Amino acid sequence: MGIKRVVPDIISDQLEKSRDFYLDVLGFEVAMDMGWIVTLTSPDEPAAQISLFPFAEDMPLMPSVTVEVDDVDKAHDAVTLAGYEVVYPMTDEEWGVRRFFVLDPGGVVVNVMSHLDR
């Protein structure tokens, strides 16, 4: 299983202000804006990315990091075989990714995903 990219997931109760900070002050560009998630990228290094999520009281599981892999099913098998807790089941999301959330040993929620071929 190969790792394609790792993206920190930042949860903000000031989404617009956070977005403006990363765009205007640090020079990121918008790669994707779905309203409930904004992914920003470096104009010089496209793999250098962060994602911003709005804080939501009704979302008990918010990932701290997203790991994109080339084979999410193989990653899921490895996680379950090793006995780690999957806290969001394998799901094909309507926006074109297949993913699951797992708790790392320190309790960090990790979003493991692959893009679906369409």
PDB file of N, CA and C in Angstrom:
ATOM      1  N   MET A   1       0.855  -1.177   0.000  1.00  0.00           N
ATOM      2  CA  MET A   1       0.000   0.000   0.000  1.00  0.00           C
ATOM      3  C   MET A   1       0.891   1.227   0.000  1.00  0.00           C
ATOM      4  N   GLY A   2       0.696   2.102  -0.969  1.00  0.00           N
ATOM      5  CA  GLY A   2       1.498   3.311  -1.057  1.00  0.00           C
ATOM      6  C   GLY A   2       0.749   4.527  -0.556  1.00  0.00           C
ATOM      7  N   ILE A   3       1.473   5.414   0.088  1.00  0.00           N
ATOM      8  CA  ILE A   3       0.902   6.673   0.572  1.00  0.00           C
ATOM      9  C   ILE A   3       1.066   7.710  -0.530  1.00  0.00           C
ATOM     10  N   LYS A   4      -0.026   8.372  -0.885  1.00  0.00           N
ATOM     11  CA  LYS A   4      -0.004   9.378  -1.939  1.00  0.00           C
ATOM     12  C   LYS A   4       0.179  10.789  -1.390  1.00  0.00           C
ATOM     13  N   ARG A   5      -0.448  11.081  -0.252  1.00  0.00           N
ATOM     14  CA  ARG A   5      -0.295  12.393   0.383  1.00  0.00           C
ATOM     15  C   ARG A   5      -0.840  12.332   1.801  1.00  0.00           C
ATOM     16  N   VAL A   6      -0.412  13.279   2.611  1.00  0.00           N
ATOM     17  CA  VAL A   6      -0.891  13.423   3.981  1.00  0.00           C
ATOM     18  C   VAL A   6      -1.310  14.879   4.145  1.00  0.00           C
ATOM     19  N   VAL A   7      -2.533  15.094   4.632  1.00  0.00           N
ATOM     20  CA  VAL A   7      -3.080  16.442   4.742  1.00  0.00           C
ATOM     21  C   VAL A   7      -3.562  16.675   6.176  1.00  0.00           C
ATOM     22  N   PRO A   8      -3.005  17.684   6.862  1.00  0.00           N
ATOM     23  CA  PRO A   8      -3.544  18.025   8.178  1.00  0.00           C
ATOM     24  C   PRO A   8      -4.964  18.555   8.033  1.00  0.00           C
ATOM     25  N   ASP A   9      -5.843  18.142   8.939  1.00  0.00           N
ATOM     26  CA  ASP A   9      -7.227  18.601   8.961  1.00  0.00           C
ATOM     27  C   ASP A   9      -7.393  19.554  10.136  1.00  0.00           C
ATOM     28  N   ILE A  10      -7.699  20.808   9.829  1.00  0.00           N
ATOM     29  CA  ILE A  10      -7.812  21.846  10.844  1.00  0.00           C
ATOM     30  C   ILE A  10      -9.285  22.150  11.069  1.00  0.00           C
ATOM     31  N   ILE A  11      -9.712  22.062  12.307  1.00  0.00           N
ATOM     32  CA  ILE A  11     -11.087  22.354  12.670  1.00  0.00           C
ATOM     33  C   ILE A  11     -11.123  23.771  13.225  1.00  0.00           C
ATOM     34  N   SER A  12     -11.985  24.586  12.667  1.00  0.00           N
ATOM     35  CA  SER A  12     -12.025  25.999  13.044  1.00  0.00           C
ATOM     36  C   SER A  12     -13.451  26.444  13.329  1.00  0.00           C
ATOM     37  N   ASP A  13     -13.616  27.214  14.395  1.00  0.00           N
ATOM     38  CA  ASP A  13     -14.917  27.818  14.656  1.00  0.00           C
ATOM     39  C   ASP A  13     -15.010  29.192  13.985  1.00  0.00           C
ATOM     40  N   GLN A  14     -13.975  29.526  13.210  1.00  0.00           N
ATOM     41  CA  GLN A  14     -13.931  30.764  12.434  1.00  0.00           C
ATOM     42  C   GLN A  14     -13.469  30.420  11.012  1.00  0.00           C
ATOM     43  N   LEU A  15     -14.252  29.606  10.323  1.00  0.00           N
ATOM     44  CA  LEU A  15     -13.822  29.042   9.040  1.00  0.00           C
ATOM     45  C   LEU A  15     -13.409  30.109   8.034  1.00  0.00           C
ATOM     46  N   GLU A  16     -14.222  31.136   7.840  1.00  0.00           N
ATOM     47  CA  GLU A  16     -13.895  32.177   6.859  1.00  0.00           C
ATOM     48  C   GLU A  16     -12.609  32.912   7.240  1.00  0.00           C
ATOM     49  N   LYS A  17     -12.465  33.243   8.522  1.00  0.00           N
ATOM     50  CA  LYS A  17     -11.255  33.938   8.971  1.00  0.00           C
ATOM     51  C   LYS A  17     -10.033  33.037   8.835  1.00  0.00           C
ATOM     52  N   SER A  18     -10.191  31.756   9.148  1.00  0.00           N
ATOM     53  CA  SER A  18      -9.077  30.813   8.984  1.00  0.00           C
ATOM     54  C   SER A  18      -8.699  30.703   7.515  1.00  0.00           C
ATOM     55  N   ARG A  19      -9.697  30.590   6.656  1.00  0.00           N
ATOM     56  CA  ARG A  19      -9.463  30.510   5.206  1.00  0.00           C
ATOM     57  C   ARG A  19      -8.694  31.741   4.730  1.00  0.00           C
ATOM     58  N   ASP A  20      -9.149  32.913   5.142  1.00  0.00           N
ATOM     59  CA  ASP A  20      -8.486  34.149   4.745  1.00  0.00           C
ATOM     60  C   ASP A  20      -7.047  34.207   5.245  1.00  0.00           C
ATOM     61  N   PHE A  21      -6.813  33.734   6.464  1.00  0.00           N
ATOM     62  CA  PHE A  21      -5.453  33.715   7.012  1.00  0.00           C
ATOM     63  C   PHE A  21      -4.518  32.895   6.120  1.00  0.00           C
ATOM     64  N   TYR A  22      -4.931  31.672   5.809  1.00  0.00           N
ATOM     65  CA  TYR A  22      -4.062  30.798   5.007  1.00  0.00           C
ATOM     66  C   TYR A  22      -3.907  31.307   3.574  1.00  0.00           C
ATOM     67  N   LEU A  23      -4.948  31.940   3.033  1.00  0.00           N
ATOM     68  CA  LEU A  23      -4.864  32.489   1.676  1.00  0.00           C
ATOM     69  C   LEU A  23      -4.063  33.784   1.643  1.00  0.00           C
ATOM     70  N   ASP A  24      -4.490  34.753   2.433  1.00  0.00           N
ATOM     71  CA  ASP A  24      -3.939  36.100   2.342  1.00  0.00           C
ATOM     72  C   ASP A  24      -2.590  36.272   3.026  1.00  0.00           C
ATOM     73  N   VAL A  25      -2.390  35.587   4.136  1.00  0.00           N
ATOM     74  CA  VAL A  25      -1.158  35.767   4.905  1.00  0.00           C
ATOM     75  C   VAL A  25      -0.085  34.758   4.498  1.00  0.00           C
ATOM     76  N   LEU A  26      -0.473  33.481   4.368  1.00  0.00           N
ATOM     77  CA  LEU A  26       0.520  32.451   4.085  1.00  0.00           C
ATOM     78  C   LEU A  26       0.633  32.089   2.607  1.00  0.00           C
ATOM     79  N   GLY A  27      -0.283  32.565   1.780  1.00  0.00           N
ATOM     80  CA  GLY A  27      -0.139  32.386   0.346  1.00  0.00           C
ATOM     81  C   GLY A  27      -0.674  31.096  -0.242  1.00  0.00           C
ATOM     82  N   PHE A  28      -1.505  30.373   0.503  1.00  0.00           N
ATOM     83  CA  PHE A  28      -2.134  29.175  -0.054  1.00  0.00           C
ATOM     84  C   PHE A  28      -3.142  29.578  -1.129  1.00  0.00           C
ATOM     85  N   GLU A  29      -3.555  28.607  -1.941  1.00  0.00           N
ATOM     86  CA  GLU A  29      -4.607  28.778  -2.928  1.00  0.00           C
ATOM     87  C   GLU A  29      -5.689  27.741  -2.671  1.00  0.00           C
ATOM     88  N   VAL A  30      -6.919  28.043  -3.082  1.00  0.00           N
ATOM     89  CA  VAL A  30      -8.030  27.104  -2.908  1.00  0.00           C
ATOM     90  C   VAL A  30      -7.916  26.004  -3.962  1.00  0.00           C
ATOM     91  N   ALA A  31      -7.846  24.765  -3.496  1.00  0.00           N
ATOM     92  CA  ALA A  31      -7.843  23.603  -4.391  1.00  0.00           C
ATOM     93  C   ALA A  31      -9.252  23.040  -4.526  1.00  0.00           C
ATOM     94  N   MET A  32     -10.035  23.118  -3.423  1.00  0.00           N
ATOM     95  CA  MET A  32     -11.392  22.588  -3.408  1.00  0.00           C
ATOM     96  C   MET A  32     -12.167  23.308  -2.315  1.00  0.00           C
ATOM     97  N   ASP A  33     -13.388  23.722  -2.620  1.00  0.00           N
ATOM     98  CA  ASP A  33     -14.249  24.344  -1.621  1.00  0.00           C
ATOM     99  C   ASP A  33     -15.645  23.767  -1.782  1.00  0.00           C
ATOM    100  N   MET A  34     -16.011  22.892  -0.827  1.00  0.00           N
ATOM    101  CA  MET A  34     -17.330  22.252  -0.869  1.00  0.00           C
ATOM    102  C   MET A  34     -18.277  22.873   0.157  1.00  0.00           C
ATOM    103  N   GLY A  35     -17.875  23.997   0.738  1.00  0.00           N
ATOM    104  CA  GLY A  35     -18.699  24.651   1.741  1.00  0.00           C
ATOM    105  C   GLY A  35     -18.439  24.128   3.138  1.00  0.00           C
ATOM    106  N   TRP A  36     -18.443  22.819   3.302  1.00  0.00           N
ATOM    107  CA  TRP A  36     -18.205  22.215   4.616  1.00  0.00           C
ATOM    108  C   TRP A  36     -16.752  21.748   4.761  1.00  0.00           C
ATOM    109  N   ILE A  37     -15.987  21.809   3.699  1.00  0.00           N
ATOM    110  CA  ILE A  37     -14.548  21.535   3.731  1.00  0.00           C
ATOM    111  C   ILE A  37     -13.897  22.415   2.675  1.00  0.00           C
ATOM    112  N   VAL A  38     -12.771  23.002   3.053  1.00  0.00           N
ATOM    113  CA  VAL A  38     -11.976  23.793   2.121  1.00  0.00           C
ATOM    114  C   VAL A  38     -10.568  23.210   2.143  1.00  0.00           C
ATOM    115  N   THR A  39     -10.098  22.772   0.982  1.00  0.00           N
ATOM    116  CA  THR A  39      -8.724  22.270   0.886  1.00  0.00           C
ATOM    117  C   THR A  39      -7.884  23.329   0.197  1.00  0.00           C
ATOM    118  N   LEU A  40      -6.781  23.666   0.839  1.00  0.00           N
ATOM    119  CA  LEU A  40      -5.875  24.686   0.337  1.00  0.00           C
ATOM    120  C   LEU A  40      -4.562  24.042  -0.053  1.00  0.00           C
ATOM    121  N   THR A  41      -3.902  24.607  -1.051  1.00  0.00           N
ATOM    122  CA  THR A  41      -2.650  24.046  -1.543  1.00  0.00           C
ATOM    123  C   THR A  41      -1.625  25.148  -1.772  1.00  0.00           C
ATOM    124  N   SER A  42      -0.384  24.774  -1.697  1.00  0.00           N
ATOM    125  CA  SER A  42       0.706  25.689  -2.017  1.00  0.00           C
ATOM    126  C   SER A  42       0.744  25.903  -3.526  1.00  0.00           C
ATOM    127  N   PRO A  43       0.924  27.138  -3.981  1.00  0.00           N
ATOM    128  CA  PRO A  43       1.036  27.363  -5.424  1.00  0.00           C
ATOM    129  C   PRO A  43       2.315  26.767  -6.014  1.00  0.00           C
ATOM    130  N   ASP A  44       3.309  26.516  -5.180  1.00  0.00           N
ATOM    131  CA  ASP A  44       4.598  25.996  -5.647  1.00  0.00           C
ATOM    132  C   ASP A  44       4.748  24.488  -5.482  1.00  0.00           C
ATOM    133  N   GLU A  45       4.085  23.929  -4.478  1.00  0.00           N
ATOM    134  CA  GLU A  45       4.159  22.502  -4.166  1.00  0.00           C
ATOM    135  C   GLU A  45       2.747  21.959  -4.001  1.00  0.00           C
ATOM    136  N   PRO A  46       2.132  21.464  -5.063  1.00  0.00           N
ATOM    137  CA  PRO A  46       0.726  21.036  -4.987  1.00  0.00           C
ATOM    138  C   PRO A  46       0.430  19.979  -3.921  1.00  0.00           C
ATOM    139  N   ALA A  47       1.425  19.212  -3.530  1.00  0.00           N
ATOM    140  CA  ALA A  47       1.199  18.196  -2.496  1.00  0.00           C
ATOM    141  C   ALA A  47       1.191  18.795  -1.093  1.00  0.00           C
ATOM    142  N   ALA A  48       1.634  20.047  -0.951  1.00  0.00           N
ATOM    143  CA  ALA A  48       1.600  20.720   0.348  1.00  0.00           C
ATOM    144  C   ALA A  48       0.205  21.304   0.535  1.00  0.00           C
ATOM    145  N   GLN A  49      -0.606  20.638   1.346  1.00  0.00           N
ATOM    146  CA  GLN A  49      -2.013  20.995   1.489  1.00  0.00           C
ATOM    147  C   GLN A  49      -2.443  20.991   2.944  1.00  0.00           C
ATOM    148  N   ILE A  50      -3.525  21.703   3.205  1.00  0.00           N
ATOM    149  CA  ILE A  50      -4.249  21.625   4.477  1.00  0.00           C
ATOM    150  C   ILE A  50      -5.735  21.637   4.144  1.00  0.00           C
ATOM    151  N   SER A  51      -6.532  21.066   5.015  1.00  0.00           N
ATOM    152  CA  SER A  51      -7.989  21.126   4.862  1.00  0.00           C
ATOM    153  C   SER A  51      -8.578  21.783   6.089  1.00  0.00           C
ATOM    154  N   LEU A  52      -9.558  22.650   5.863  1.00  0.00           N
ATOM    155  CA  LEU A  52     -10.253  23.352   6.936  1.00  0.00           C
ATOM    156  C   LEU A  52     -11.674  22.826   7.034  1.00  0.00           C
ATOM    157  N   PHE A  53     -12.089  22.522   8.247  1.00  0.00           N
ATOM    158  CA  PHE A  53     -13.443  22.067   8.531  1.00  0.00           C
ATOM    159  C   PHE A  53     -14.069  23.014   9.536  1.00  0.00           C
ATOM    160  N   PRO A  54     -15.362  23.300   9.407  1.00  0.00           N
ATOM    161  CA  PRO A  54     -16.012  24.115  10.439  1.00  0.00           C
ATOM    162  C   PRO A  54     -16.237  23.276  11.691  1.00  0.00           C
ATOM    163  N   PHE A  55     -16.113  23.910  12.848  1.00  0.00           N
ATOM    164  CA  PHE A  55     -16.426  23.239  14.097  1.00  0.00           C
ATOM    165  C   PHE A  55     -17.916  22.952  14.123  1.00  0.00           C
ATOM    166  N   ALA A  56     -18.275  21.746  14.516  1.00  0.00           N
ATOM    167  CA  ALA A  56     -19.688  21.379  14.613  1.00  0.00           C
ATOM    168  C   ALA A  56     -19.890  20.502  15.842  1.00  0.00           C
ATOM    169  N   GLU A  57     -20.750  20.950  16.730  1.00  0.00           N
ATOM    170  CA  GLU A  57     -21.031  20.204  17.955  1.00  0.00           C
ATOM    171  C   GLU A  57     -21.619  18.829  17.662  1.00  0.00           C
ATOM    172  N   ASP A  58     -22.333  18.705  16.537  1.00  0.00           N
ATOM    173  CA  ASP A  58     -22.995  17.444  16.218  1.00  0.00           C
ATOM    174  C   ASP A  58     -22.092  16.466  15.456  1.00  0.00           C
ATOM    175  N   MET A  59     -20.835  16.830  15.268  1.00  0.00           N
ATOM    176  CA  MET A  59     -19.879  15.941  14.596  1.00  0.00           C
ATOM    177  C   MET A  59     -18.900  15.401  15.635  1.00  0.00           C
ATOM    178  N   PRO A  60     -19.212  14.254  16.229  1.00  0.00           N
ATOM    179  CA  PRO A  60     -18.354  13.736  17.290  1.00  0.00           C
ATOM    180  C   PRO A  60     -17.001  13.251  16.788  1.00  0.00           C
ATOM    181  N   LEU A  61     -16.912  12.886  15.513  1.00  0.00           N
ATOM    182  CA  LEU A  61     -15.648  12.394  14.973  1.00  0.00           C
ATOM    183  C   LEU A  61     -15.135  13.329  13.890  1.00  0.00           C
ATOM    184  N   MET A  62     -14.092  14.057  14.208  1.00  0.00           N
ATOM    185  CA  MET A  62     -13.460  14.920  13.229  1.00  0.00           C
ATOM    186  C   MET A  62     -12.010  14.457  13.093  1.00  0.00           C
ATOM    187  N   PRO A  63     -11.590  14.102  11.893  1.00  0.00           N
ATOM    188  CA  PRO A  63     -10.214  13.648  11.725  1.00  0.00           C
ATOM    189  C   PRO A  63      -9.218  14.773  11.952  1.00  0.00           C
ATOM    190  N   SER A  64      -8.065  14.409  12.447  1.00  0.00           N
ATOM    191  CA  SER A  64      -6.968  15.359  12.619  1.00  0.00           C
ATOM    192  C   SER A  64      -6.029  15.341  11.423  1.00  0.00           C
ATOM    193  N   VAL A  65      -6.058  14.242  10.693  1.00  0.00           N
ATOM    194  CA  VAL A  65      -5.175  14.093   9.535  1.00  0.00           C
ATOM    195  C   VAL A  65      -5.855  13.178   8.523  1.00  0.00           C
ATOM    196  N   THR A  66      -5.628  13.467   7.251  1.00  0.00           N
ATOM    197  CA  THR A  66      -6.100  12.613   6.170  1.00  0.00           C
ATOM    198  C   THR A  66      -4.892  11.985   5.506  1.00  0.00           C
ATOM    199  N   VAL A  67      -4.935  10.681   5.329  1.00  0.00           N
ATOM    200  CA  VAL A  67      -3.878   9.963   4.630  1.00  0.00           C
ATOM    201  C   VAL A  67      -4.504   9.354   3.380  1.00  0.00           C
ATOM    202  N   GLU A  68      -4.062   9.841   2.213  1.00  0.00           N
ATOM    203  CA  GLU A  68      -4.531   9.273   0.953  1.00  0.00           C
ATOM    204  C   GLU A  68      -3.599   8.143   0.561  1.00  0.00           C
ATOM    205  N   VAL A  69      -4.173   6.979   0.331  1.00  0.00           N
ATOM    206  CA  VAL A  69      -3.407   5.795  -0.042  1.00  0.00           C
ATOM    207  C   VAL A  69      -3.856   5.324  -1.422  1.00  0.00           C
ATOM    208  N   ASP A  70      -3.031   4.501  -2.051  1.00  0.00           N
ATOM    209  CA  ASP A  70      -3.407   4.018  -3.375  1.00  0.00           C
ATOM    210  C   ASP A  70      -4.402   2.867  -3.317  1.00  0.00           C
ATOM    211  N   ASP A  71      -4.558   2.219  -2.160  1.00  0.00           N
ATOM    212  CA  ASP A  71      -5.488   1.104  -2.022  1.00  0.00           C
ATOM    213  C   ASP A  71      -6.121   1.138  -0.628  1.00  0.00           C
ATOM    214  N   VAL A  72      -7.253   1.827  -0.510  1.00  0.00           N
ATOM    215  CA  VAL A  72      -7.893   2.004   0.789  1.00  0.00           C
ATOM    216  C   VAL A  72      -8.421   0.692   1.350  1.00  0.00           C
ATOM    217  N   ASP A  73      -8.814  -0.240   0.477  1.00  0.00           N
ATOM    218  CA  ASP A  73      -9.288  -1.535   0.973  1.00  0.00           C
ATOM    219  C   ASP A  73      -8.154  -2.316   1.628  1.00  0.00           C
ATOM    220  N   LYS A  74      -6.979  -2.258   1.037  1.00  0.00           N
ATOM    221  CA  LYS A  74      -5.804  -2.924   1.617  1.00  0.00           C
ATOM    222  C   LYS A  74      -5.434  -2.276   2.955  1.00  0.00           C
ATOM    223  N   ALA A  75      -5.544  -0.944   3.023  1.00  0.00           N
ATOM    224  CA  ALA A  75      -5.260  -0.243   4.280  1.00  0.00           C
ATOM    225  C   ALA A  75      -6.273  -0.649   5.351  1.00  0.00           C
ATOM    226  N   HIS A  76      -7.536  -0.760   4.972  1.00  0.00           N
ATOM    227  CA  HIS A  76      -8.582  -1.169   5.911  1.00  0.00           C
ATOM    228  C   HIS A  76      -8.308  -2.577   6.430  1.00  0.00           C
ATOM    229  N   ASP A  77      -7.914  -3.464   5.534  1.00  0.00           N
ATOM    230  CA  ASP A  77      -7.571  -4.835   5.950  1.00  0.00           C
ATOM    231  C   ASP A  77      -6.425  -4.830   6.951  1.00  0.00           C
ATOM    232  N   ALA A  78      -5.397  -4.027   6.686  1.00  0.00           N
ATOM    233  CA  ALA A  78      -4.230  -3.961   7.579  1.00  0.00           C
ATOM    234  C   ALA A  78      -4.627  -3.410   8.946  1.00  0.00           C
ATOM    235  N   VAL A  79      -5.471  -2.393   8.962  1.00  0.00           N
ATOM    236  CA  VAL A  79      -5.927  -1.776  10.213  1.00  0.00           C
ATOM    237  C   VAL A  79      -6.726  -2.778  11.045  1.00  0.00           C
ATOM    238  N   THR A  80      -7.678  -3.467  10.415  1.00  0.00           N
ATOM    239  CA  THR A  80      -8.514  -4.402  11.168  1.00  0.00           C
ATOM    240  C   THR A  80      -7.727  -5.631  11.606  1.00  0.00           C
ATOM    241  N   LEU A  81      -6.833  -6.099  10.756  1.00  0.00           N
ATOM    242  CA  LEU A  81      -5.991  -7.249  11.116  1.00  0.00           C
ATOM    243  C   LEU A  81      -5.117  -6.928  12.330  1.00  0.00           C
ATOM    244  N   ALA A  82      -4.637  -5.676  12.395  1.00  0.00           N
ATOM    245  CA  ALA A  82      -3.788  -5.260  13.516  1.00  0.00           C
ATOM    246  C   ALA A  82      -4.603  -4.942  14.771  1.00  0.00           C
ATOM    247  N   GLY A  83      -5.933  -4.925  14.658  1.00  0.00           N
ATOM    248  CA  GLY A  83      -6.779  -4.739  15.835  1.00  0.00           C
ATOM    249  C   GLY A  83      -7.089  -3.304  16.202  1.00  0.00           C
ATOM    250  N   TYR A  84      -6.855  -2.356  15.297  1.00  0.00           N
ATOM    251  CA  TYR A  84      -7.172  -0.960  15.596  1.00  0.00           C
ATOM    252  C   TYR A  84      -8.669  -0.710  15.421  1.00  0.00           C
ATOM    253  N   GLU A  85      -9.171   0.294  16.117  1.00  0.00           N
ATOM    254  CA  GLU A  85     -10.602   0.579  16.114  1.00  0.00           C
ATOM    255  C   GLU A  85     -10.996   1.467  14.940  1.00  0.00           C
ATOM    256  N   VAL A  86     -11.827   0.941  14.075  1.00  0.00           N
ATOM    257  CA  VAL A  86     -12.406   1.723  12.988  1.00  0.00           C
ATOM    258  C   VAL A  86     -13.629   2.434  13.568  1.00  0.00           C
ATOM    259  N   VAL A  87     -13.609   3.768  13.525  1.00  0.00           N
ATOM    260  CA  VAL A  87     -14.672   4.541  14.168  1.00  0.00           C
ATOM    261  C   VAL A  87     -15.628   5.179  13.156  1.00  0.00           C
ATOM    262  N   TYR A  88     -15.339   5.043  11.880  1.00  0.00           N
ATOM    263  CA  TYR A  88     -16.250   5.418  10.799  1.00  0.00           C
ATOM    264  C   TYR A  88     -16.044   4.365   9.725  1.00  0.00           C
ATOM    265  N   PRO A  89     -17.101   3.653   9.357  1.00  0.00           N
ATOM    266  CA  PRO A  89     -16.925   2.492   8.484  1.00  0.00           C
ATOM    267  C   PRO A  89     -16.505   2.876   7.066  1.00  0.00           C
ATOM    268  N   MET A  90     -15.969   1.896   6.359  1.00  0.00           N
ATOM    269  CA  MET A  90     -15.622   2.091   4.959  1.00  0.00           C
ATOM    270  C   MET A  90     -16.863   2.590   4.225  1.00  0.00           C
ATOM    271  N   THR A  91     -16.717   3.724   3.549  1.00  0.00           N
ATOM    272  CA  THR A  91     -17.849   4.370   2.894  1.00  0.00           C
ATOM    273  C   THR A  91     -17.417   4.966   1.566  1.00  0.00           C
ATOM    274  N   ASP A  92     -18.209   4.755   0.540  1.00  0.00           N
ATOM    275  CA  ASP A  92     -18.027   5.445  -0.738  1.00  0.00           C
ATOM    276  C   ASP A  92     -18.826   6.736  -0.647  1.00  0.00           C
ATOM    277  N   GLU A  93     -18.122   7.863  -0.552  1.00  0.00           N
ATOM    278  CA  GLU A  93     -18.773   9.156  -0.372  1.00  0.00           C
ATOM    279  C   GLU A  93     -19.212   9.720  -1.722  1.00  0.00           C
ATOM    280  N   GLU A  94     -20.271  10.503  -1.691  1.00  0.00           N
ATOM    281  CA  GLU A  94     -20.843  11.049  -2.922  1.00  0.00           C
ATOM    282  C   GLU A  94     -19.894  12.011  -3.640  1.00  0.00           C
ATOM    283  N   TRP A  95     -18.893  12.534  -2.940  1.00  0.00           N
ATOM    284  CA  TRP A  95     -17.966  13.473  -3.573  1.00  0.00           C
ATOM    285  C   TRP A  95     -16.747  12.779  -4.197  1.00  0.00           C
ATOM    286  N   GLY A  96     -16.784  11.436  -4.252  1.00  0.00           N
ATOM    287  CA  GLY A  96     -15.789  10.718  -5.030  1.00  0.00           C
ATOM    288  C   GLY A  96     -14.615  10.125  -4.295  1.00  0.00           C
ATOM    289  N   VAL A  97     -14.779   9.873  -2.997  1.00  0.00           N
ATOM    290  CA  VAL A  97     -13.715   9.192  -2.261  1.00  0.00           C
ATOM    291  C   VAL A  97     -14.284   7.971  -1.550  1.00  0.00           C
ATOM    292  N   ARG A  98     -13.442   7.007  -1.310  1.00  0.00           N
ATOM    293  CA  ARG A  98     -13.754   5.827  -0.488  1.00  0.00           C
ATOM    294  C   ARG A  98     -12.874   5.979   0.733  1.00  0.00           C
ATOM    295  N   ARG A  99     -13.467   5.908   1.928  1.00  0.00           N
ATOM    296  CA  ARG A  99     -12.693   6.199   3.136  1.00  0.00           C
ATOM    297  C   ARG A  99     -13.242   5.509   4.364  1.00  0.00           C
ATOM    298  N   PHE A 100     -12.410   5.536   5.402  1.00  0.00           N
ATOM    299  CA  PHE A 100     -12.806   5.112   6.743  1.00  0.00           C
ATOM    300  C   PHE A 100     -11.977   5.915   7.733  1.00  0.00           C
ATOM    301  N   PHE A 101     -12.440   5.988   8.985  1.00  0.00           N
ATOM    302  CA  PHE A 101     -11.688   6.623  10.063  1.00  0.00           C
ATOM    303  C   PHE A 101     -11.214   5.538  11.012  1.00  0.00           C
ATOM    304  N   VAL A 102      -9.987   5.693  11.487  1.00  0.00           N
ATOM    305  CA  VAL A 102      -9.413   4.775  12.461  1.00  0.00           C
ATOM    306  C   VAL A 102      -8.775   5.597  13.577  1.00  0.00           C
ATOM    307  N   LEU A 103      -8.802   5.047  14.789  1.00  0.00           N
ATOM    308  CA  LEU A 103      -8.101   5.678  15.910  1.00  0.00           C
ATOM    309  C   LEU A 103      -6.667   5.163  15.939  1.00  0.00           C
ATOM    310  N   ASP A 104      -5.709   6.091  15.981  1.00  0.00           N
ATOM    311  CA  ASP A 104      -4.320   5.653  16.157  1.00  0.00           C
ATOM    312  C   ASP A 104      -4.112   5.330  17.640  1.00  0.00           C
ATOM    313  N   PRO A 105      -2.958   4.791  18.040  1.00  0.00           N
ATOM    314  CA  PRO A 105      -2.761   4.407  19.439  1.00  0.00           C
ATOM    315  C   PRO A 105      -2.926   5.539  20.446  1.00  0.00           C
ATOM    316  N   GLY A 106      -2.728   6.781  20.010  1.00  0.00           N
ATOM    317  CA  GLY A 106      -2.888   7.925  20.907  1.00  0.00           C
ATOM    318  C   GLY A 106      -4.285   8.519  20.903  1.00  0.00           C
ATOM    319  N   GLY A 107      -5.217   7.910  20.150  1.00  0.00           N
ATOM    320  CA  GLY A 107      -6.585   8.382  20.118  1.00  0.00           C
ATOM    321  C   GLY A 107      -6.872   9.421  19.040  1.00  0.00           C
ATOM    322  N   VAL A 108      -5.920   9.643  18.131  1.00  0.00           N
ATOM    323  CA  VAL A 108      -6.112  10.588  17.039  1.00  0.00           C
ATOM    324  C   VAL A 108      -6.967   9.933  15.956  1.00  0.00           C
ATOM    325  N   VAL A 109      -7.989  10.644  15.482  1.00  0.00           N
ATOM    326  CA  VAL A 109      -8.827  10.146  14.400  1.00  0.00           C
ATOM    327  C   VAL A 109      -8.121  10.404  13.074  1.00  0.00           C
ATOM    328  N   VAL A 110      -7.880   9.321  12.320  1.00  0.00           N
ATOM    329  CA  VAL A 110      -7.192   9.394  11.034  1.00  0.00           C
ATOM    330  C   VAL A 110      -8.180   9.015   9.933  1.00  0.00           C
ATOM    331  N   ASN A 111      -8.335   9.887   8.966  1.00  0.00           N
ATOM    332  CA  ASN A 111      -9.163   9.655   7.786  1.00  0.00           C
ATOM    333  C   ASN A 111      -8.267   8.984   6.739  1.00  0.00           C
ATOM    334  N   VAL A 112      -8.533   7.734   6.414  1.00  0.00           N
ATOM    335  CA  VAL A 112      -7.750   7.012   5.407  1.00  0.00           C
ATOM    336  C   VAL A 112      -8.630   6.897   4.177  1.00  0.00           C
ATOM    337  N   MET A 113      -8.112   7.365   3.017  1.00  0.00           N
ATOM    338  CA  MET A 113      -8.976   7.447   1.843  1.00  0.00           C
ATOM    339  C   MET A 113      -8.224   7.245   0.535  1.00  0.00           C
ATOM    340  N   SER A 114      -9.023   6.939  -0.502  1.00  0.00           N
ATOM    341  CA  SER A 114      -8.572   6.904  -1.885  1.00  0.00           C
ATOM    342  C   SER A 114      -9.657   7.555  -2.727  1.00  0.00           C
ATOM    343  N   HIS A 115      -9.260   8.146  -3.823  1.00  0.00           N
ATOM    344  CA  HIS A 115     -10.235   8.685  -4.780  1.00  0.00           C
ATOM    345  C   HIS A 115     -10.832   7.522  -5.560  1.00  0.00           C
ATOM    346  N   LEU A 116     -12.138   7.588  -5.781  1.00  0.00           N
ATOM    347  CA  LEU A 116     -12.820   6.570  -6.587  1.00  0.00           C
ATOM    348  C   LEU A 116     -12.557   6.851  -8.056  1.00  0.00           C
ATOM    349  N   ASP A 117     -12.361   5.812  -8.825  1.00  0.00           N
ATOM    350  CA  ASP A 117     -12.229   5.964 -10.276  1.00  0.00           C
ATOM    351  C   ASP A 117     -13.613   6.171 -10.844  1.00  0.00           C
ATOM    352  N   ARG A 118     -13.764   7.205 -11.595  1.00  0.00           N
ATOM    353  CA  ARG A 118     -15.085   7.506 -12.174  1.00  0.00           C
ATOM    354  C   ARG A 118     -15.002   7.527 -13.664  1.00  0.00           C
TER     355      ARG A 118
END
